[in-house]
Amino acid sequence: MAVRRVMPIIRSEAVRESRAFYGLLGFEEVMNHGWIMTLASPSTPAAQISVMTSDKSAPVSPDMSIEVDDVDAAYAVMRESGAEIVHPLQDEEWGVRRFFVRDPSGRVVNVLSHR
């Protein structure tokens, strides 16, 4: 399993203001589903920040996302380790397969792969 990118998620209702603020640092909007917006650096597209009002299909909002090349393998590793699975592995309508796991400091991590 290989990590493709790591992205912080900022929970906020100030989505428009956040887009303008991070735009001052060179970020541009690359995705917007209404409840989550992702900004990326044009020169380094894997450098991203997401701003989320609340998660559309999960009971909690994650603190970060980690995209891996094999989410099923990551899920198996986390389950076998005894880590707390906060949201089960599932396919989402926006084209990702994901699960949430709690890290040792209590942060919720969204682990995903694109389908």
N, C-alpha and C. Protein backbone atom coordinates (compact mmCIF):
# COMPACT_ATOMS: atom_id res chain seq x y z
N MET A 1 0.85 -1.17 0.00
CA MET A 1 0.00 0.00 0.00
C MET A 1 0.89 1.23 0.00
N ALA A 2 0.59 2.20 -0.85
CA ALA A 2 1.37 3.43 -0.96
C ALA A 2 0.48 4.63 -0.71
N VAL A 3 1.02 5.64 -0.03
CA VAL A 3 0.31 6.89 0.21
C VAL A 3 0.47 7.78 -1.02
N ARG A 4 -0.64 8.34 -1.48
CA ARG A 4 -0.61 9.23 -2.64
C ARG A 4 -0.62 10.70 -2.25
N ARG A 5 -1.35 11.03 -1.18
CA ARG A 5 -1.38 12.42 -0.70
C ARG A 5 -1.98 12.45 0.69
N VAL A 6 -1.66 13.50 1.42
CA VAL A 6 -2.23 13.77 2.74
C VAL A 6 -2.79 15.18 2.69
N MET A 7 -4.02 15.34 3.20
CA MET A 7 -4.69 16.61 3.06
C MET A 7 -5.39 16.98 4.38
N PRO A 8 -5.05 18.14 4.97
CA PRO A 8 -5.79 18.59 6.15
C PRO A 8 -7.21 19.00 5.76
N ILE A 9 -8.14 18.81 6.70
CA ILE A 9 -9.52 19.22 6.49
C ILE A 9 -9.86 20.24 7.57
N ILE A 10 -10.28 21.41 7.15
CA ILE A 10 -10.67 22.48 8.06
C ILE A 10 -12.19 22.50 8.12
N ARG A 11 -12.75 22.31 9.30
CA ARG A 11 -14.20 22.39 9.46
C ARG A 11 -14.58 23.85 9.64
N SER A 12 -15.46 24.34 8.76
CA SER A 12 -15.80 25.76 8.79
C SER A 12 -17.06 26.02 7.97
N GLU A 13 -17.80 27.03 8.38
CA GLU A 13 -18.92 27.53 7.59
C GLU A 13 -18.45 28.65 6.66
N ALA A 14 -17.21 29.11 6.84
CA ALA A 14 -16.67 30.23 6.07
C ALA A 14 -15.95 29.73 4.82
N VAL A 15 -16.67 28.99 3.99
CA VAL A 15 -16.06 28.38 2.81
C VAL A 15 -15.59 29.43 1.80
N ARG A 16 -16.44 30.38 1.48
CA ARG A 16 -16.08 31.42 0.51
C ARG A 16 -14.89 32.24 1.01
N GLU A 17 -14.92 32.60 2.27
CA GLU A 17 -13.83 33.37 2.85
C GLU A 17 -12.53 32.57 2.88
N SER A 18 -12.64 31.27 3.14
CA SER A 18 -11.45 30.40 3.16
C SER A 18 -10.85 30.29 1.76
N ARG A 19 -11.71 30.18 0.74
CA ARG A 19 -11.22 30.12 -0.63
C ARG A 19 -10.43 31.38 -0.96
N ALA A 20 -10.95 32.54 -0.57
CA ALA A 20 -10.25 33.80 -0.82
C ALA A 20 -8.94 33.88 -0.03
N PHE A 21 -8.97 33.48 1.23
CA PHE A 21 -7.77 33.54 2.08
C PHE A 21 -6.65 32.65 1.53
N TYR A 22 -6.96 31.38 1.26
CA TYR A 22 -5.93 30.47 0.76
C TYR A 22 -5.54 30.79 -0.68
N GLY A 23 -6.44 31.47 -1.40
CA GLY A 23 -6.10 31.95 -2.73
C GLY A 23 -4.96 32.95 -2.70
N LEU A 24 -4.88 33.71 -1.61
CA LEU A 24 -3.77 34.66 -1.46
C LEU A 24 -2.43 33.94 -1.39
N LEU A 25 -2.44 32.66 -0.98
CA LEU A 25 -1.23 31.85 -0.91
C LEU A 25 -1.02 31.02 -2.17
N GLY A 26 -1.87 31.21 -3.17
CA GLY A 26 -1.70 30.53 -4.44
C GLY A 26 -2.57 29.31 -4.66
N PHE A 27 -3.43 28.97 -3.70
CA PHE A 27 -4.31 27.81 -3.87
C PHE A 27 -5.48 28.17 -4.78
N GLU A 28 -5.93 27.18 -5.56
CA GLU A 28 -7.09 27.34 -6.44
C GLU A 28 -8.08 26.22 -6.17
N GLU A 29 -9.37 26.51 -6.31
CA GLU A 29 -10.41 25.51 -6.11
C GLU A 29 -10.31 24.44 -7.20
N VAL A 30 -10.27 23.17 -6.77
CA VAL A 30 -10.24 22.06 -7.73
C VAL A 30 -11.45 21.13 -7.57
N MET A 31 -12.20 21.27 -6.48
CA MET A 31 -13.39 20.46 -6.27
C MET A 31 -14.31 21.20 -5.31
N ASN A 32 -15.61 21.13 -5.57
CA ASN A 32 -16.58 21.73 -4.66
C ASN A 32 -17.88 20.96 -4.77
N HIS A 33 -18.23 20.24 -3.70
CA HIS A 33 -19.48 19.48 -3.66
C HIS A 33 -20.54 20.20 -2.84
N GLY A 34 -20.29 21.43 -2.45
CA GLY A 34 -21.24 22.16 -1.63
C GLY A 34 -20.95 22.02 -0.14
N TRP A 35 -20.69 20.82 0.31
CA TRP A 35 -20.38 20.56 1.72
C TRP A 35 -18.87 20.41 1.96
N ILE A 36 -18.11 20.18 0.89
CA ILE A 36 -16.66 20.11 0.97
C ILE A 36 -16.07 20.76 -0.28
N MET A 37 -15.04 21.57 -0.06
CA MET A 37 -14.33 22.23 -1.15
C MET A 37 -12.85 21.91 -0.98
N THR A 38 -12.18 21.57 -2.08
CA THR A 38 -10.75 21.30 -2.04
C THR A 38 -10.01 22.34 -2.86
N LEU A 39 -8.94 22.84 -2.28
CA LEU A 39 -8.06 23.81 -2.92
C LEU A 39 -6.72 23.15 -3.14
N ALA A 40 -6.07 23.44 -4.26
CA ALA A 40 -4.78 22.83 -4.58
C ALA A 40 -3.83 23.88 -5.12
N SER A 41 -2.55 23.58 -4.99
CA SER A 41 -1.51 24.41 -5.57
C SER A 41 -1.38 24.05 -7.05
N PRO A 42 -1.47 25.01 -7.96
CA PRO A 42 -1.32 24.70 -9.38
C PRO A 42 0.06 24.13 -9.72
N SER A 43 1.09 24.55 -9.00
CA SER A 43 2.44 24.07 -9.29
C SER A 43 2.74 22.71 -8.66
N THR A 44 2.02 22.38 -7.58
CA THR A 44 2.19 21.10 -6.89
C THR A 44 0.79 20.57 -6.56
N PRO A 45 0.10 19.95 -7.52
CA PRO A 45 -1.31 19.60 -7.35
C PRO A 45 -1.63 18.70 -6.15
N ALA A 46 -0.68 17.93 -5.66
CA ALA A 46 -0.95 17.09 -4.49
C ALA A 46 -0.93 17.88 -3.19
N ALA A 47 -0.47 19.13 -3.22
CA ALA A 47 -0.52 20.01 -2.05
C ALA A 47 -1.92 20.60 -1.98
N GLN A 48 -2.73 20.09 -1.04
CA GLN A 48 -4.15 20.43 -1.00
C GLN A 48 -4.62 20.72 0.42
N ILE A 49 -5.70 21.48 0.49
CA ILE A 49 -6.42 21.77 1.72
C ILE A 49 -7.90 21.62 1.39
N SER A 50 -8.65 20.98 2.29
CA SER A 50 -10.11 20.94 2.12
C SER A 50 -10.78 21.73 3.22
N VAL A 51 -11.89 22.35 2.88
CA VAL A 51 -12.73 23.06 3.85
C VAL A 51 -14.09 22.38 3.80
N MET A 52 -14.58 21.94 4.97
CA MET A 52 -15.80 21.15 5.05
C MET A 52 -16.77 21.74 6.07
N THR A 53 -18.04 21.84 5.69
CA THR A 53 -19.05 22.25 6.66
C THR A 53 -19.39 21.08 7.57
N SER A 54 -19.69 19.93 7.00
CA SER A 54 -19.88 18.66 7.73
C SER A 54 -19.86 17.55 6.70
N ASP A 55 -19.54 16.35 7.14
CA ASP A 55 -19.44 15.25 6.20
C ASP A 55 -20.83 14.81 5.75
N LYS A 56 -20.99 14.56 4.47
CA LYS A 56 -22.30 14.24 3.88
C LYS A 56 -22.82 12.87 4.30
N SER A 57 -21.94 11.87 4.46
CA SER A 57 -22.45 10.51 4.68
C SER A 57 -21.89 9.83 5.92
N ALA A 58 -21.17 10.55 6.76
CA ALA A 58 -20.57 9.95 7.95
C ALA A 58 -21.07 10.66 9.20
N PRO A 59 -21.03 9.97 10.33
CA PRO A 59 -21.54 10.57 11.57
C PRO A 59 -20.62 11.64 12.17
N VAL A 60 -19.37 11.69 11.74
CA VAL A 60 -18.41 12.69 12.21
C VAL A 60 -17.68 13.28 11.02
N SER A 61 -17.07 14.42 11.22
CA SER A 61 -16.26 15.04 10.17
C SER A 61 -14.79 14.71 10.44
N PRO A 62 -14.05 14.29 9.43
CA PRO A 62 -12.64 13.95 9.64
C PRO A 62 -11.76 15.18 9.79
N ASP A 63 -10.59 14.97 10.37
CA ASP A 63 -9.60 16.02 10.56
C ASP A 63 -8.60 16.07 9.40
N MET A 64 -8.44 14.95 8.71
CA MET A 64 -7.54 14.88 7.57
C MET A 64 -7.94 13.72 6.68
N SER A 65 -7.46 13.77 5.45
CA SER A 65 -7.64 12.66 4.51
C SER A 65 -6.27 12.14 4.11
N ILE A 66 -6.20 10.83 3.97
CA ILE A 66 -5.01 10.19 3.43
C ILE A 66 -5.47 9.32 2.27
N GLU A 67 -5.00 9.67 1.07
CA GLU A 67 -5.32 8.87 -0.10
C GLU A 67 -4.25 7.81 -0.28
N VAL A 68 -4.69 6.55 -0.40
CA VAL A 68 -3.78 5.42 -0.60
C VAL A 68 -4.13 4.73 -1.91
N ASP A 69 -3.22 3.90 -2.39
CA ASP A 69 -3.50 3.20 -3.64
C ASP A 69 -4.39 1.98 -3.45
N ASP A 70 -4.54 1.47 -2.20
CA ASP A 70 -5.35 0.29 -1.93
C ASP A 70 -6.06 0.45 -0.59
N VAL A 71 -7.25 1.05 -0.63
CA VAL A 71 -7.99 1.32 0.60
C VAL A 71 -8.44 0.03 1.29
N ASP A 72 -8.70 -1.02 0.52
CA ASP A 72 -9.10 -2.28 1.14
C ASP A 72 -7.96 -2.86 1.99
N ALA A 73 -6.74 -2.77 1.50
CA ALA A 73 -5.58 -3.24 2.27
C ALA A 73 -5.39 -2.37 3.51
N ALA A 74 -5.56 -1.06 3.38
CA ALA A 74 -5.43 -0.17 4.53
C ALA A 74 -6.49 -0.49 5.58
N TYR A 75 -7.71 -0.77 5.15
CA TYR A 75 -8.79 -1.11 6.07
C TYR A 75 -8.46 -2.41 6.82
N ALA A 76 -7.96 -3.40 6.10
CA ALA A 76 -7.60 -4.67 6.73
C ALA A 76 -6.50 -4.47 7.78
N VAL A 77 -5.49 -3.67 7.44
CA VAL A 77 -4.39 -3.40 8.38
C VAL A 77 -4.91 -2.71 9.63
N MET A 78 -5.76 -1.73 9.47
CA MET A 78 -6.29 -0.99 10.62
C MET A 78 -7.18 -1.88 11.49
N ARG A 79 -8.02 -2.68 10.88
CA ARG A 79 -8.88 -3.59 11.66
C ARG A 79 -8.03 -4.59 12.43
N GLU A 80 -7.03 -5.16 11.76
CA GLU A 80 -6.18 -6.15 12.43
C GLU A 80 -5.39 -5.53 13.58
N SER A 81 -5.07 -4.24 13.48
CA SER A 81 -4.31 -3.57 14.53
C SER A 81 -5.16 -3.27 15.76
N GLY A 82 -6.48 -3.33 15.61
CA GLY A 82 -7.38 -2.99 16.70
C GLY A 82 -7.73 -1.52 16.77
N ALA A 83 -7.32 -0.74 15.76
CA ALA A 83 -7.64 0.69 15.73
C ALA A 83 -9.15 0.88 15.67
N GLU A 84 -9.62 1.98 16.23
CA GLU A 84 -11.06 2.27 16.25
C GLU A 84 -11.52 2.73 14.87
N ILE A 85 -12.37 1.93 14.24
CA ILE A 85 -12.98 2.30 12.97
C ILE A 85 -14.21 3.16 13.31
N VAL A 86 -14.19 4.41 12.88
CA VAL A 86 -15.24 5.36 13.21
C VAL A 86 -16.36 5.32 12.18
N HIS A 87 -16.01 5.02 10.94
CA HIS A 87 -16.97 4.96 9.83
C HIS A 87 -16.53 3.80 8.94
N PRO A 88 -17.41 2.85 8.65
CA PRO A 88 -17.00 1.65 7.93
C PRO A 88 -16.60 1.90 6.47
N LEU A 89 -15.86 0.96 5.92
CA LEU A 89 -15.45 1.01 4.53
C LEU A 89 -16.68 0.98 3.63
N GLN A 90 -16.76 1.96 2.72
CA GLN A 90 -17.90 1.99 1.80
C GLN A 90 -17.55 2.82 0.57
N ASP A 91 -18.29 2.54 -0.50
CA ASP A 91 -18.19 3.31 -1.74
C ASP A 91 -19.10 4.53 -1.62
N GLU A 92 -18.60 5.68 -2.04
CA GLU A 92 -19.37 6.91 -2.00
C GLU A 92 -19.77 7.32 -3.42
N GLU A 93 -20.89 8.02 -3.53
CA GLU A 93 -21.42 8.42 -4.84
C GLU A 93 -20.51 9.37 -5.59
N TRP A 94 -19.58 10.03 -4.91
CA TRP A 94 -18.69 10.99 -5.59
C TRP A 94 -17.39 10.35 -6.05
N GLY A 95 -17.34 9.01 -6.06
CA GLY A 95 -16.23 8.32 -6.72
C GLY A 95 -15.07 7.88 -5.86
N VAL A 96 -15.27 7.82 -4.54
CA VAL A 96 -14.21 7.31 -3.67
C VAL A 96 -14.73 6.13 -2.87
N ARG A 97 -13.80 5.31 -2.42
CA ARG A 97 -14.07 4.23 -1.47
C ARG A 97 -13.29 4.63 -0.23
N ARG A 98 -13.92 4.65 0.94
CA ARG A 98 -13.27 5.21 2.11
C ARG A 98 -13.76 4.61 3.42
N PHE A 99 -12.97 4.87 4.47
CA PHE A 99 -13.36 4.58 5.84
C PHE A 99 -12.70 5.62 6.73
N PHE A 100 -13.21 5.75 7.97
CA PHE A 100 -12.61 6.66 8.94
C PHE A 100 -12.03 5.83 10.08
N VAL A 101 -10.87 6.24 10.57
CA VAL A 101 -10.22 5.58 11.70
C VAL A 101 -9.72 6.67 12.64
N ARG A 102 -9.74 6.38 13.96
CA ARG A 102 -9.26 7.35 14.95
C ARG A 102 -7.80 7.08 15.25
N ASP A 103 -6.97 8.14 15.19
CA ASP A 103 -5.54 7.96 15.48
C ASP A 103 -5.31 8.02 16.99
N PRO A 104 -4.10 7.73 17.47
CA PRO A 104 -3.84 7.71 18.91
C PRO A 104 -4.10 9.03 19.63
N SER A 105 -4.06 10.17 18.91
CA SER A 105 -4.37 11.45 19.56
C SER A 105 -5.84 11.83 19.49
N GLY A 106 -6.65 10.95 18.95
CA GLY A 106 -8.09 11.20 18.89
C GLY A 106 -8.56 11.84 17.60
N ARG A 107 -7.66 12.10 16.67
CA ARG A 107 -8.02 12.70 15.38
C ARG A 107 -8.69 11.66 14.49
N VAL A 108 -9.69 12.09 13.72
CA VAL A 108 -10.39 11.20 12.80
C VAL A 108 -9.74 11.34 11.42
N VAL A 109 -9.30 10.21 10.88
CA VAL A 109 -8.61 10.19 9.60
C VAL A 109 -9.50 9.50 8.56
N ASN A 110 -9.74 10.19 7.46
CA ASN A 110 -10.49 9.65 6.33
C ASN A 110 -9.45 8.98 5.41
N VAL A 111 -9.51 7.67 5.28
CA VAL A 111 -8.59 6.93 4.42
C VAL A 111 -9.37 6.54 3.17
N LEU A 112 -8.82 6.88 1.99
CA LEU A 112 -9.60 6.71 0.77
C LEU A 112 -8.76 6.31 -0.43
N SER A 113 -9.44 5.78 -1.41
CA SER A 113 -8.90 5.57 -2.77
C SER A 113 -9.98 6.01 -3.74
N HIS A 114 -9.56 6.57 -4.86
CA HIS A 114 -10.51 6.90 -5.92
C HIS A 114 -10.83 5.63 -6.70
N ARG A 115 -12.09 5.51 -7.10
CA ARG A 115 -12.52 4.35 -7.90
C ARG A 115 -12.31 4.63 -9.35
